[in-house]
């Protein structure tokens, strides 16, 4: 199956570091081009927000790419990434949610949990996210447009 995107921006915090390294290898084996935004070594004092902002900014500015962020719960990364205008980050705890978020919400960043989801299940969630395509249904485009208008107005 031909991939819609070939480039993925990836980052984690300390809690997600080990899983990030495994996910990076997994994606490379699947033929994706990976840009790793760190961390590049374990640092228990790093802050998820720094990595989330970097990846979200790159995703928003780039065409045909997605972001993957990993922290302990997925929540912190998701909250921080969504502060970047144009980012549509989701924290997914199962494959159905990650698939629907791409199809209905045109999500461009997937946030994964290293503490509450196994490596194998995270890979399934990731695969569903990467295989899904935005539906382009009018109702979904209308809803996303409302978000974009709000972001521009309230920046």
N, C-alpha and C. Protein backbone atom coordinates (compact mmCIF):
# COMPACT_ATOMS: atom_id res chain seq x y z
N UNK A 1 0.84 -1.18 0.00
CA UNK A 1 0.00 0.00 0.00
C UNK A 1 0.89 1.24 0.00
N UNK A 2 0.61 2.16 -0.88
CA UNK A 2 1.38 3.39 -0.95
C UNK A 2 1.05 4.27 0.25
N UNK A 3 2.08 4.86 0.83
CA UNK A 3 1.90 5.70 2.00
C UNK A 3 1.50 7.11 1.57
N UNK A 4 0.55 7.71 2.28
CA UNK A 4 0.18 9.10 2.03
C UNK A 4 1.32 10.02 2.46
N UNK A 5 1.93 9.73 3.57
CA UNK A 5 3.05 10.52 4.07
C UNK A 5 4.28 9.62 4.13
N UNK A 6 5.42 10.22 3.94
CA UNK A 6 6.65 9.44 4.05
C UNK A 6 7.56 9.99 5.14
N UNK A 7 7.24 11.18 5.64
CA UNK A 7 8.09 11.82 6.64
C UNK A 7 7.34 11.95 7.96
N UNK A 8 8.03 11.58 9.02
CA UNK A 8 7.45 11.67 10.36
C UNK A 8 8.43 12.39 11.27
N UNK A 9 7.91 13.39 11.97
CA UNK A 9 8.67 14.11 12.99
C UNK A 9 8.37 13.44 14.32
N UNK A 10 9.40 13.07 15.05
CA UNK A 10 9.27 12.24 16.24
C UNK A 10 9.99 12.88 17.42
N UNK A 11 9.39 12.79 18.59
CA UNK A 11 10.05 13.24 19.82
C UNK A 11 9.37 12.61 21.02
N UNK A 12 10.03 12.73 22.15
CA UNK A 12 9.50 12.23 23.42
C UNK A 12 10.06 13.08 24.53
N UNK A 13 9.62 12.76 25.72
CA UNK A 13 10.30 13.27 26.91
C UNK A 13 11.00 12.08 27.55
N UNK A 14 11.50 12.25 28.78
CA UNK A 14 12.21 11.17 29.46
C UNK A 14 11.34 9.92 29.62
N UNK A 15 10.06 10.12 29.93
CA UNK A 15 9.18 8.97 30.16
C UNK A 15 8.94 8.18 28.88
N UNK A 16 9.01 8.84 27.75
CA UNK A 16 8.78 8.16 26.48
C UNK A 16 10.03 7.81 25.71
N UNK A 17 11.20 8.12 26.28
CA UNK A 17 12.45 7.95 25.55
C UNK A 17 12.67 6.52 25.03
N UNK A 18 12.54 5.54 25.88
CA UNK A 18 12.80 4.15 25.46
C UNK A 18 11.83 3.73 24.35
N UNK A 19 10.56 4.07 24.50
CA UNK A 19 9.58 3.73 23.47
C UNK A 19 9.86 4.49 22.17
N UNK A 20 10.28 5.75 22.28
CA UNK A 20 10.60 6.53 21.08
C UNK A 20 11.67 5.83 20.25
N UNK A 21 12.70 5.34 20.91
CA UNK A 21 13.78 4.66 20.19
C UNK A 21 13.27 3.42 19.47
N UNK A 22 12.37 2.68 20.09
CA UNK A 22 11.80 1.48 19.46
C UNK A 22 10.86 1.86 18.31
N UNK A 23 10.06 2.90 18.51
CA UNK A 23 9.14 3.36 17.46
C UNK A 23 9.94 3.89 16.28
N UNK A 24 11.02 4.59 16.54
CA UNK A 24 11.87 5.11 15.46
C UNK A 24 12.37 3.97 14.59
N UNK A 25 12.93 2.93 15.21
CA UNK A 25 13.42 1.78 14.47
C UNK A 25 12.29 1.11 13.69
N UNK A 26 11.14 0.98 14.30
CA UNK A 26 9.98 0.37 13.67
C UNK A 26 9.56 1.15 12.42
N UNK A 27 9.52 2.46 12.52
CA UNK A 27 9.11 3.29 11.38
C UNK A 27 10.15 3.27 10.26
N UNK A 28 11.41 3.26 10.61
CA UNK A 28 12.47 3.18 9.60
C UNK A 28 12.35 1.87 8.83
N UNK A 29 12.10 0.78 9.54
CA UNK A 29 11.93 -0.53 8.88
C UNK A 29 10.72 -0.52 7.93
N UNK A 30 9.72 0.29 8.23
CA UNK A 30 8.53 0.39 7.39
C UNK A 30 8.75 1.36 6.22
N UNK A 31 9.91 1.98 6.15
CA UNK A 31 10.24 2.82 5.01
C UNK A 31 9.97 4.31 5.18
N UNK A 32 9.67 4.75 6.38
CA UNK A 32 9.44 6.17 6.63
C UNK A 32 10.76 6.91 6.83
N UNK A 33 10.76 8.16 6.45
CA UNK A 33 11.87 9.06 6.77
C UNK A 33 11.55 9.68 8.11
N UNK A 34 12.45 9.56 9.05
CA UNK A 34 12.22 10.02 10.42
C UNK A 34 13.14 11.19 10.73
N UNK A 35 12.56 12.24 11.28
CA UNK A 35 13.34 13.33 11.84
C UNK A 35 13.12 13.27 13.35
N UNK A 36 14.15 12.90 14.06
CA UNK A 36 14.08 12.74 15.51
C UNK A 36 14.45 14.07 16.16
N UNK A 37 13.51 14.64 16.90
CA UNK A 37 13.71 15.91 17.57
C UNK A 37 14.11 15.73 19.04
N UNK A 38 14.46 14.52 19.39
CA UNK A 38 14.98 14.28 20.72
C UNK A 38 13.95 13.76 21.70
N UNK A 39 14.46 13.53 22.87
CA UNK A 39 15.84 13.69 23.31
C UNK A 39 16.72 12.60 22.70
N UNK A 40 18.01 12.83 22.75
CA UNK A 40 18.96 11.90 22.17
C UNK A 40 19.66 11.05 23.22
N UNK A 41 19.36 11.37 24.48
CA UNK A 41 19.77 10.54 25.60
C UNK A 41 18.77 10.78 26.72
N UNK A 42 18.68 9.82 27.62
CA UNK A 42 17.74 9.93 28.73
C UNK A 42 18.14 11.08 29.65
N UNK A 43 17.17 11.95 29.94
CA UNK A 43 17.38 13.06 30.87
C UNK A 43 16.11 13.20 31.71
N UNK A 44 16.16 12.77 32.94
CA UNK A 44 14.96 12.75 33.79
C UNK A 44 14.38 14.14 34.05
N UNK A 45 15.13 15.18 33.76
CA UNK A 45 14.67 16.54 34.04
C UNK A 45 14.17 17.29 32.80
N UNK A 46 14.03 16.60 31.66
CA UNK A 46 13.57 17.31 30.47
C UNK A 46 12.06 17.61 30.58
N UNK A 47 11.59 18.46 29.71
CA UNK A 47 10.19 18.89 29.74
C UNK A 47 9.50 18.55 28.42
N UNK A 48 8.39 17.83 28.51
CA UNK A 48 7.66 17.40 27.32
C UNK A 48 7.26 18.56 26.43
N UNK A 49 6.94 19.69 27.03
CA UNK A 49 6.45 20.83 26.24
C UNK A 49 7.48 21.30 25.21
N UNK A 50 8.76 21.30 25.56
CA UNK A 50 9.80 21.72 24.62
C UNK A 50 9.78 20.88 23.35
N UNK A 51 9.65 19.58 23.52
CA UNK A 51 9.64 18.67 22.38
C UNK A 51 8.33 18.77 21.60
N UNK A 52 7.24 18.91 22.32
CA UNK A 52 5.93 19.01 21.66
C UNK A 52 5.84 20.25 20.78
N UNK A 53 6.30 21.38 21.30
CA UNK A 53 6.27 22.62 20.50
C UNK A 53 7.11 22.47 19.24
N UNK A 54 8.31 21.92 19.35
CA UNK A 54 9.19 21.76 18.19
C UNK A 54 8.55 20.90 17.11
N UNK A 55 8.04 19.75 17.49
CA UNK A 55 7.44 18.86 16.51
C UNK A 55 6.18 19.48 15.91
N UNK A 56 5.33 20.05 16.73
CA UNK A 56 4.09 20.65 16.22
C UNK A 56 4.39 21.78 15.23
N UNK A 57 5.36 22.60 15.53
CA UNK A 57 5.72 23.69 14.61
C UNK A 57 6.22 23.14 13.28
N UNK A 58 7.02 22.08 13.30
CA UNK A 58 7.51 21.47 12.07
C UNK A 58 6.37 20.84 11.27
N UNK A 59 5.47 20.16 11.93
CA UNK A 59 4.35 19.52 11.24
C UNK A 59 3.49 20.56 10.56
N UNK A 60 3.19 21.64 11.26
CA UNK A 60 2.31 22.68 10.72
C UNK A 60 2.95 23.36 9.51
N UNK A 61 4.26 23.53 9.53
CA UNK A 61 4.96 24.23 8.45
C UNK A 61 5.28 23.32 7.26
N UNK A 62 5.17 22.03 7.43
CA UNK A 62 5.57 21.08 6.40
C UNK A 62 4.36 20.45 5.74
N UNK A 63 4.51 20.07 4.51
CA UNK A 63 3.45 19.38 3.78
C UNK A 63 3.69 17.88 3.83
N UNK A 64 2.62 17.15 3.84
CA UNK A 64 2.69 15.69 3.72
C UNK A 64 3.60 15.03 4.76
N UNK A 65 3.46 15.46 5.99
CA UNK A 65 4.19 14.82 7.08
C UNK A 65 3.28 14.75 8.29
N UNK A 66 3.66 13.92 9.23
CA UNK A 66 2.91 13.77 10.47
C UNK A 66 3.88 13.81 11.63
N UNK A 67 3.35 14.02 12.83
CA UNK A 67 4.15 14.00 14.03
C UNK A 67 3.75 12.87 14.95
N UNK A 68 4.72 12.37 15.69
CA UNK A 68 4.48 11.37 16.73
C UNK A 68 5.22 11.84 17.97
N UNK A 69 4.48 12.00 19.05
CA UNK A 69 5.03 12.44 20.33
C UNK A 69 4.74 11.39 21.38
N UNK A 70 5.70 11.15 22.26
CA UNK A 70 5.55 10.10 23.27
C UNK A 70 5.96 10.63 24.63
N UNK A 71 5.05 10.46 25.58
CA UNK A 71 5.36 10.77 26.98
C UNK A 71 4.69 9.70 27.84
N UNK A 72 4.71 9.88 29.13
CA UNK A 72 4.15 8.86 30.02
C UNK A 72 2.68 8.59 29.78
N UNK A 73 1.88 9.64 29.72
CA UNK A 73 0.43 9.46 29.57
C UNK A 73 -0.10 9.80 28.19
N UNK A 74 0.66 10.52 27.40
CA UNK A 74 0.26 11.10 26.11
C UNK A 74 -0.47 12.43 26.29
N UNK A 75 -0.97 12.69 27.47
CA UNK A 75 -1.77 13.89 27.71
C UNK A 75 -0.95 15.17 27.66
N UNK A 76 0.19 15.20 28.33
CA UNK A 76 1.01 16.41 28.35
C UNK A 76 1.47 16.82 26.98
N UNK A 77 1.97 15.85 26.21
CA UNK A 77 2.41 16.14 24.84
C UNK A 77 1.24 16.68 24.01
N UNK A 78 0.10 16.08 24.17
CA UNK A 78 -1.09 16.48 23.40
C UNK A 78 -1.51 17.90 23.74
N UNK A 79 -1.56 18.22 24.99
CA UNK A 79 -1.94 19.57 25.42
C UNK A 79 -0.96 20.59 24.86
N UNK A 80 0.33 20.33 25.01
CA UNK A 80 1.34 21.28 24.54
C UNK A 80 1.32 21.42 23.01
N UNK A 81 1.26 20.32 22.29
CA UNK A 81 1.26 20.38 20.82
C UNK A 81 0.07 21.18 20.30
N UNK A 82 -1.07 21.04 20.94
CA UNK A 82 -2.26 21.73 20.48
C UNK A 82 -2.24 23.23 20.74
N UNK A 83 -1.23 23.72 21.44
CA UNK A 83 -1.06 25.17 21.60
C UNK A 83 -0.50 25.81 20.33
N UNK A 84 0.05 25.01 19.43
CA UNK A 84 0.59 25.50 18.17
C UNK A 84 -0.55 25.57 17.16
N UNK A 85 -0.79 26.77 16.65
CA UNK A 85 -1.87 26.97 15.69
C UNK A 85 -1.68 26.06 14.47
N UNK A 86 -2.70 25.31 14.15
CA UNK A 86 -2.65 24.38 13.03
C UNK A 86 -2.36 22.95 13.42
N UNK A 87 -1.90 22.75 14.65
CA UNK A 87 -1.66 21.39 15.13
C UNK A 87 -3.00 20.79 15.53
N UNK A 88 -3.17 19.53 15.16
CA UNK A 88 -4.35 18.77 15.57
C UNK A 88 -3.85 17.45 16.15
N UNK A 89 -3.38 17.55 17.40
CA UNK A 89 -2.79 16.41 18.10
C UNK A 89 -3.86 15.65 18.85
N UNK A 90 -3.70 14.34 18.87
CA UNK A 90 -4.63 13.49 19.61
C UNK A 90 -3.84 12.51 20.47
N UNK A 91 -4.39 12.21 21.62
CA UNK A 91 -3.86 11.15 22.48
C UNK A 91 -4.74 9.94 22.25
N UNK A 92 -4.17 8.91 21.68
CA UNK A 92 -4.96 7.72 21.33
C UNK A 92 -4.56 6.54 22.19
N UNK A 93 -5.57 5.89 22.74
CA UNK A 93 -5.33 4.71 23.57
C UNK A 93 -5.80 3.44 22.86
N UNK A 94 -6.32 3.58 21.64
CA UNK A 94 -6.62 2.40 20.83
C UNK A 94 -6.61 2.76 19.35
N UNK A 95 -6.59 1.73 18.51
CA UNK A 95 -6.47 1.91 17.07
C UNK A 95 -7.68 2.59 16.45
N UNK A 96 -8.85 2.32 16.98
CA UNK A 96 -10.06 2.92 16.44
C UNK A 96 -10.03 4.44 16.57
N UNK A 97 -9.62 4.92 17.72
CA UNK A 97 -9.55 6.37 17.95
C UNK A 97 -8.52 7.00 17.03
N UNK A 98 -7.35 6.38 16.87
CA UNK A 98 -6.32 6.98 16.02
C UNK A 98 -6.77 7.01 14.56
N UNK A 99 -7.47 5.99 14.12
CA UNK A 99 -7.99 5.94 12.75
C UNK A 99 -9.05 7.01 12.53
N UNK A 100 -10.00 7.09 13.45
CA UNK A 100 -11.09 8.07 13.31
C UNK A 100 -10.58 9.50 13.40
N UNK A 101 -9.57 9.73 14.22
CA UNK A 101 -9.02 11.08 14.35
C UNK A 101 -8.41 11.55 13.03
N UNK A 102 -7.80 10.64 12.29
CA UNK A 102 -7.27 11.00 10.96
C UNK A 102 -8.41 11.18 9.97
N UNK A 103 -9.36 10.26 9.97
CA UNK A 103 -10.44 10.29 8.98
C UNK A 103 -11.40 11.46 9.19
N UNK A 104 -11.74 11.76 10.43
CA UNK A 104 -12.76 12.78 10.72
C UNK A 104 -12.17 14.14 11.06
N UNK A 105 -11.04 14.15 11.79
CA UNK A 105 -10.48 15.40 12.31
C UNK A 105 -9.20 15.82 11.59
N UNK A 106 -8.75 15.03 10.64
CA UNK A 106 -7.50 15.29 9.93
C UNK A 106 -6.36 15.54 10.92
N UNK A 107 -6.31 14.72 11.97
CA UNK A 107 -5.27 14.84 12.98
C UNK A 107 -3.91 14.71 12.31
N UNK A 108 -2.97 15.54 12.75
CA UNK A 108 -1.64 15.51 12.14
C UNK A 108 -0.53 15.13 13.13
N UNK A 109 -0.89 14.93 14.39
CA UNK A 109 0.08 14.51 15.40
C UNK A 109 -0.57 13.45 16.29
N UNK A 110 0.13 12.35 16.46
CA UNK A 110 -0.32 11.28 17.32
C UNK A 110 0.53 11.29 18.59
N UNK A 111 -0.13 11.30 19.73
CA UNK A 111 0.56 11.25 21.03
C UNK A 111 0.33 9.88 21.64
N UNK A 112 1.42 9.24 22.01
CA UNK A 112 1.37 7.89 22.56
C UNK A 112 1.80 7.87 24.02
N UNK A 113 1.25 6.90 24.75
CA UNK A 113 1.55 6.73 26.17
C UNK A 113 2.54 5.58 26.36
N UNK A 114 3.66 5.88 26.99
CA UNK A 114 4.65 4.83 27.27
C UNK A 114 4.35 4.09 28.58
N UNK A 115 3.59 4.69 29.46
CA UNK A 115 3.34 4.09 30.77
C UNK A 115 2.09 3.23 30.83
N UNK A 116 1.11 3.51 30.03
CA UNK A 116 -0.18 2.84 30.16
C UNK A 116 -0.55 1.95 28.98
N UNK A 117 0.26 2.00 27.93
CA UNK A 117 0.00 1.21 26.72
C UNK A 117 1.27 0.42 26.39
N UNK A 118 1.11 -0.84 26.05
CA UNK A 118 2.26 -1.67 25.72
C UNK A 118 2.89 -1.24 24.39
N UNK A 119 4.12 -1.64 24.18
CA UNK A 119 4.80 -1.33 22.93
C UNK A 119 4.02 -1.88 21.73
N UNK A 120 3.57 -3.12 21.82
CA UNK A 120 2.83 -3.73 20.70
C UNK A 120 1.54 -2.98 20.41
N UNK A 121 0.81 -2.63 21.45
CA UNK A 121 -0.45 -1.90 21.23
C UNK A 121 -0.16 -0.50 20.67
N UNK A 122 0.89 0.16 21.14
CA UNK A 122 1.27 1.46 20.58
C UNK A 122 1.59 1.34 19.09
N UNK A 123 2.24 0.28 18.69
CA UNK A 123 2.54 0.08 17.27
C UNK A 123 1.25 -0.09 16.46
N UNK A 124 0.28 -0.79 17.00
CA UNK A 124 -1.01 -0.96 16.31
C UNK A 124 -1.74 0.38 16.20
N UNK A 125 -1.70 1.16 17.26
CA UNK A 125 -2.32 2.50 17.25
C UNK A 125 -1.64 3.36 16.19
N UNK A 126 -0.32 3.31 16.16
CA UNK A 126 0.46 4.06 15.18
C UNK A 126 0.15 3.61 13.76
N UNK A 127 0.12 2.32 13.52
CA UNK A 127 -0.19 1.80 12.18
C UNK A 127 -1.57 2.27 11.70
N UNK A 128 -2.54 2.23 12.58
CA UNK A 128 -3.89 2.68 12.21
C UNK A 128 -3.89 4.16 11.85
N UNK A 129 -3.16 4.95 12.61
CA UNK A 129 -3.04 6.39 12.35
C UNK A 129 -2.41 6.65 10.99
N UNK A 130 -1.33 5.93 10.71
CA UNK A 130 -0.58 6.16 9.47
C UNK A 130 -1.32 5.65 8.23
N UNK A 131 -2.11 4.62 8.38
CA UNK A 131 -2.85 4.06 7.24
C UNK A 131 -4.12 4.85 6.91
N UNK A 132 -4.67 5.51 7.90
CA UNK A 132 -5.93 6.23 7.70
C UNK A 132 -5.71 7.47 6.85
N UNK A 133 -6.75 7.88 6.19
CA UNK A 133 -6.74 9.09 5.34
C UNK A 133 -7.91 9.98 5.74
N UNK A 134 -7.71 11.26 5.62
CA UNK A 134 -8.80 12.20 5.87
C UNK A 134 -9.92 11.93 4.87
N UNK A 135 -11.13 11.89 5.33
CA UNK A 135 -12.28 11.53 4.49
C UNK A 135 -12.64 12.59 3.46
N UNK A 136 -12.31 13.85 3.74
CA UNK A 136 -12.71 14.97 2.90
C UNK A 136 -14.22 15.17 2.83
N UNK A 137 -14.95 14.53 3.72
CA UNK A 137 -16.40 14.73 3.77
C UNK A 137 -16.67 16.19 4.14
N UNK A 138 -17.69 16.75 3.54
CA UNK A 138 -18.01 18.17 3.76
C UNK A 138 -18.18 18.51 5.24
N UNK A 139 -18.85 17.64 5.98
CA UNK A 139 -19.09 17.96 7.40
C UNK A 139 -17.77 18.03 8.17
N UNK A 140 -16.82 17.18 7.82
CA UNK A 140 -15.53 17.20 8.50
C UNK A 140 -14.70 18.42 8.09
N UNK A 141 -14.72 18.75 6.83
CA UNK A 141 -14.02 19.95 6.36
C UNK A 141 -14.61 21.20 7.00
N UNK A 142 -15.92 21.25 7.12
CA UNK A 142 -16.60 22.39 7.75
C UNK A 142 -16.16 22.55 9.20
N UNK A 143 -16.09 21.48 9.91
CA UNK A 143 -15.72 21.53 11.34
C UNK A 143 -14.26 21.94 11.52
N UNK A 144 -13.38 21.40 10.70
CA UNK A 144 -11.96 21.79 10.78
C UNK A 144 -11.80 23.25 10.41
N UNK A 145 -12.54 23.70 9.41
CA UNK A 145 -12.49 25.10 9.02
C UNK A 145 -12.87 26.01 10.18
N UNK A 146 -13.87 25.63 10.95
CA UNK A 146 -14.27 26.43 12.11
C UNK A 146 -13.14 26.54 13.13
N UNK A 147 -12.41 25.47 13.31
CA UNK A 147 -11.25 25.50 14.22
C UNK A 147 -10.19 26.45 13.68
N UNK A 148 -9.93 26.36 12.38
CA UNK A 148 -8.91 27.24 11.77
C UNK A 148 -9.32 28.70 11.85
N UNK A 149 -10.58 29.01 11.63
CA UNK A 149 -11.06 30.39 11.75
C UNK A 149 -10.89 30.88 13.18
N UNK A 150 -11.23 30.05 14.14
CA UNK A 150 -11.07 30.42 15.55
C UNK A 150 -9.61 30.69 15.88
N UNK A 151 -8.72 29.80 15.41
CA UNK A 151 -7.29 29.99 15.68
C UNK A 151 -6.78 31.31 15.11
N UNK A 152 -7.20 31.65 13.92
CA UNK A 152 -6.77 32.91 13.31
C UNK A 152 -7.31 34.12 14.09
N UNK A 153 -8.54 34.00 14.53
CA UNK A 153 -9.18 35.12 15.24
C UNK A 153 -8.60 35.31 16.64
N UNK A 154 -8.32 34.20 17.31
CA UNK A 154 -7.89 34.26 18.71
C UNK A 154 -6.42 33.95 18.91
N UNK A 155 -5.73 33.60 17.81
CA UNK A 155 -4.33 33.31 17.73
C UNK A 155 -3.60 33.08 18.96
